[in-house]
Protein backbone atom coordinates (compact mmCIF):
# COMPACT_ATOMS: atom_id res chain seq x y z
CA MET A 1 -39.90 15.89 29.97
CA ILE A 2 -36.20 16.50 30.44
CA ARG A 3 -36.36 18.68 33.51
CA GLY A 4 -34.26 17.11 36.27
CA LYS A 5 -32.64 14.60 33.92
CA ARG A 6 -28.89 14.36 33.36
CA PRO A 7 -27.25 13.83 29.99
CA ARG A 8 -26.17 10.32 29.34
CA ALA A 9 -22.62 9.50 30.21
CA LEU A 10 -20.38 8.89 27.18
CA PRO A 11 -18.11 5.86 27.29
CA GLY A 12 -14.40 6.57 27.63
CA ARG A 13 -12.63 6.96 24.34
CA THR A 14 -9.59 4.85 23.58
CA HIS A 15 -7.20 5.28 20.72
CA ARG A 16 -6.62 2.02 18.98
CA ALA A 17 -4.21 1.57 16.09
CA TYR A 18 -4.48 -1.31 13.64
CA TYR A 19 -2.10 -2.32 10.90
CA SER A 20 -2.72 -4.78 8.16
CA GLY A 21 -0.61 -6.80 5.80
CA ILE A 22 -1.76 -10.36 5.57
CA GLU A 23 -3.17 -10.33 9.10
CA LEU A 24 -4.67 -7.51 11.14
CA VAL A 25 -2.40 -6.45 14.05
CA GLU A 26 -3.44 -4.13 16.87
CA ALA A 27 -0.58 -2.00 18.22
CA GLU A 28 -0.63 -2.45 21.98
CA ASP A 29 1.86 -1.93 24.77
CA THR A 30 2.35 -5.71 24.96
CA ASN A 31 3.56 -6.09 21.35
CA ARG A 32 5.83 -3.07 21.06
CA PRO A 33 8.03 -2.24 19.36
CA LEU A 34 6.05 -3.09 16.23
CA LEU A 35 8.46 -3.19 13.31
CA VAL A 36 7.09 -2.63 9.83
CA GLY A 37 9.22 -3.42 6.75
CA GLU A 38 9.00 -0.52 4.42
CA ARG A 39 10.50 -2.49 1.58
CA THR A 40 7.49 -4.75 1.82
CA ASN A 41 5.15 -1.92 1.02
CA VAL A 42 3.82 -1.58 -2.54
CA ILE A 43 3.89 2.22 -2.17
CA GLY A 44 7.44 2.32 -0.75
CA SER A 45 9.21 -0.10 -3.05
CA ARG A 46 8.89 -0.33 -6.83
CA LEU A 47 10.61 -3.73 -6.85
CA PHE A 48 8.21 -5.14 -4.26
CA LYS A 49 5.22 -3.62 -6.08
CA ASN A 50 6.26 -5.27 -9.37
CA LEU A 51 6.80 -8.64 -7.72
CA VAL A 52 3.35 -8.51 -6.10
CA ALA A 53 1.77 -7.37 -9.37
CA ALA A 54 3.42 -10.30 -11.14
CA GLU A 55 2.28 -12.63 -8.34
CA LYS A 56 5.87 -13.66 -7.61
CA TRP A 57 5.12 -14.37 -3.99
CA GLU A 58 8.31 -16.27 -3.16
CA GLU A 59 10.53 -13.47 -4.47
CA ALA A 60 8.48 -10.85 -2.63
CA THR A 61 8.70 -12.88 0.57
CA ASP A 62 12.52 -13.07 0.17
CA ILE A 63 12.63 -9.26 0.58
CA ALA A 64 10.91 -9.58 3.96
CA ARG A 65 13.18 -12.47 4.97
CA ARG A 66 16.29 -10.40 4.17
CA GLN A 67 14.95 -7.58 6.30
CA VAL A 68 14.42 -9.93 9.22
CA ARG A 69 17.91 -11.45 8.89
CA THR A 70 19.65 -8.09 8.68
CA GLY A 71 17.42 -6.40 11.30
CA ARG A 72 16.50 -3.63 8.85
CA THR A 73 13.03 -2.43 8.04
């Protein structure tokens, strides 16, 4: 049955990177550089983790705002 048949062509593979906080963001050439605030990471900041756990959203958001103002991530 397969004599003379060719294997199917596989579609080209692309590497796609996605990051998620509140919204899903795909890292593309059009939106680089993609800055990620490490102090707004529950693994990277004990203070941020505690604020999120306590549902202190405004205080947690202030950390991100300070990062944006100072240009630090």
